[in-house]
C-alpha atoms as a PDB file:
ATOM      1  CA  MET A   1     -17.477 -15.023  -5.954  1.00  0.00           C
ATOM      2  CA  ALA A   2     -13.962 -16.272  -6.596  1.00  0.00           C
ATOM      3  CA  ARG A   3     -11.536 -15.951  -3.728  1.00  0.00           C
ATOM      4  CA  TYR A   4      -8.230 -14.243  -4.449  1.00  0.00           C
ATOM      5  CA  TYR A   5      -5.144 -16.234  -3.465  1.00  0.00           C
ATOM      6  CA  ARG A   6      -1.796 -14.571  -3.826  1.00  0.00           C
ATOM      7  CA  TYR A   7      -0.071 -17.964  -3.945  1.00  0.00           C
ATOM      8  CA  ARG A   8      -1.757 -18.826  -7.242  1.00  0.00           C
ATOM      9  CA  LEU A   9       0.053 -15.953  -8.926  1.00  0.00           C
ATOM     10  CA  PRO A  10       3.215 -16.499 -10.953  1.00  0.00           C
ATOM     11  CA  PRO A  11       6.438 -16.162  -8.952  1.00  0.00           C
ATOM     12  CA  TRP A  12       7.323 -12.783 -10.474  1.00  0.00           C
ATOM     13  CA  ALA A  13       3.920 -11.352  -9.511  1.00  0.00           C
ATOM     14  CA  ARG A  14       4.218 -12.679  -5.943  1.00  0.00           C
ATOM     15  CA  ARG A  15       7.660 -11.118  -5.680  1.00  0.00           C
ATOM     16  CA  CYS A  16       6.246  -7.754  -6.819  1.00  0.00           C
ATOM     17  CA  LEU A  17       3.483  -8.004  -4.204  1.00  0.00           C
ATOM     18  CA  ILE A  18       5.983  -8.782  -1.448  1.00  0.00           C
ATOM     19  CA  ILE A  19       8.156  -5.816  -2.457  1.00  0.00           C
ATOM     20  CA  ALA A  20       5.140  -3.495  -2.615  1.00  0.00           C
ATOM     21  CA  GLU A  21       3.971  -4.754   0.786  1.00  0.00           C
ATOM     22  CA  GLY A  22       7.352  -4.012   2.328  1.00  0.00           C
ATOM     23  CA  CYS A  23       7.560  -0.533   0.818  1.00  0.00           C
ATOM     24  CA  THR A  24       4.126   0.757   1.795  1.00  0.00           C
ATOM     25  CA  LEU A  25       4.889   1.510   5.457  1.00  0.00           C
ATOM     26  CA  PRO A  26       8.025   3.654   4.860  1.00  0.00           C
ATOM     27  CA  ILE A  27       6.328   5.505   1.995  1.00  0.00           C
ATOM     28  CA  MET A  28       3.225   6.040   4.121  1.00  0.00           C
ATOM     29  CA  ILE A  29       5.286   7.460   7.007  1.00  0.00           C
ATOM     30  CA  PHE A  30       7.149   9.786   4.628  1.00  0.00           C
ATOM     31  CA  GLN A  31       3.859  10.924   3.105  1.00  0.00           C
ATOM     32  CA  LEU A  32       2.387  11.532   6.584  1.00  0.00           C
ATOM     33  CA  ILE A  33       5.335  13.749   7.546  1.00  0.00           C
ATOM     34  CA  ARG A  34       5.103  15.574   4.227  1.00  0.00           C
ATOM     35  CA  THR A  35       1.357  16.082   4.674  1.00  0.00           C
ATOM     36  CA  ILE A  36       1.848  17.465   8.181  1.00  0.00           C
ATOM     37  CA  PHE A  37       4.384  20.072   7.009  1.00  0.00           C
ATOM     38  CA  PHE A  38       3.013  20.862   3.510  1.00  0.00           C
ATOM     39  CA  PRO A  39      -0.697  19.997   3.481  1.00  0.00           C
ATOM     40  CA  THR A  40      -2.180  20.071  -0.001  1.00  0.00           C
ATOM     41  CA  THR A  41      -5.230  18.301  -1.339  1.00  0.00           C
ATOM     42  CA  PHE A  42      -3.081  15.970  -3.420  1.00  0.00           C
ATOM     43  CA  ASP A  43      -0.942  15.013  -0.414  1.00  0.00           C
ATOM     44  CA  VAL A  44      -3.997  14.205   1.691  1.00  0.00           C
ATOM     45  CA  LEU A  45      -5.495  12.066  -1.094  1.00  0.00           C
ATOM     46  CA  LEU A  46      -2.194  10.297  -1.665  1.00  0.00           C
ATOM     47  CA  LEU A  47      -1.878   9.595   2.056  1.00  0.00           C
ATOM     48  CA  GLY A  48      -5.392   8.135   2.022  1.00  0.00           C
ATOM     49  CA  VAL A  49      -4.451   5.843  -0.865  1.00  0.00           C
ATOM     50  CA  PHE A  50      -1.339   4.649   0.960  1.00  0.00           C
ATOM     51  CA  ILE A  51      -3.271   4.046   4.178  1.00  0.00           C
ATOM     52  CA  GLY A  52      -5.890   2.066   2.258  1.00  0.00           C
ATOM     53  CA  LEU A  53      -3.195   0.041   0.522  1.00  0.00           C
ATOM     54  CA  PHE A  54      -1.425  -0.641   3.824  1.00  0.00           C
ATOM     55  CA  VAL A  55      -4.668  -1.785   5.469  1.00  0.00           C
ATOM     56  CA  ALA A  56      -5.448  -4.016   2.491  1.00  0.00           C
ATOM     57  CA  PHE A  57      -2.026  -5.668   2.774  1.00  0.00           C
ATOM     58  CA  GLN A  58      -2.347  -6.110   6.547  1.00  0.00           C
ATOM     59  CA  LEU A  59      -5.797  -7.695   6.288  1.00  0.00           C
ATOM     60  CA  ARG A  60      -4.607  -9.904   3.403  1.00  0.00           C
ATOM     61  CA  TRP A  61      -7.171  -8.474   0.958  1.00  0.00           C
ATOM     62  CA  ILE A  62      -4.338  -8.189  -1.570  1.00  0.00           C
END
């Protein structure tokens, strides 16, 4: 199984990953507040996706 290294990516792709990594926490917090006040199925699923993405960035899976 090939190991994924973000540093082997082209510079523009690394820059996009860094920007996405920095934006996930504020978007996740906004989505959490929105889900608390207006809970819909879509909001809960979207919050789950953002939490999964945040965890993947923190554990360096992406």
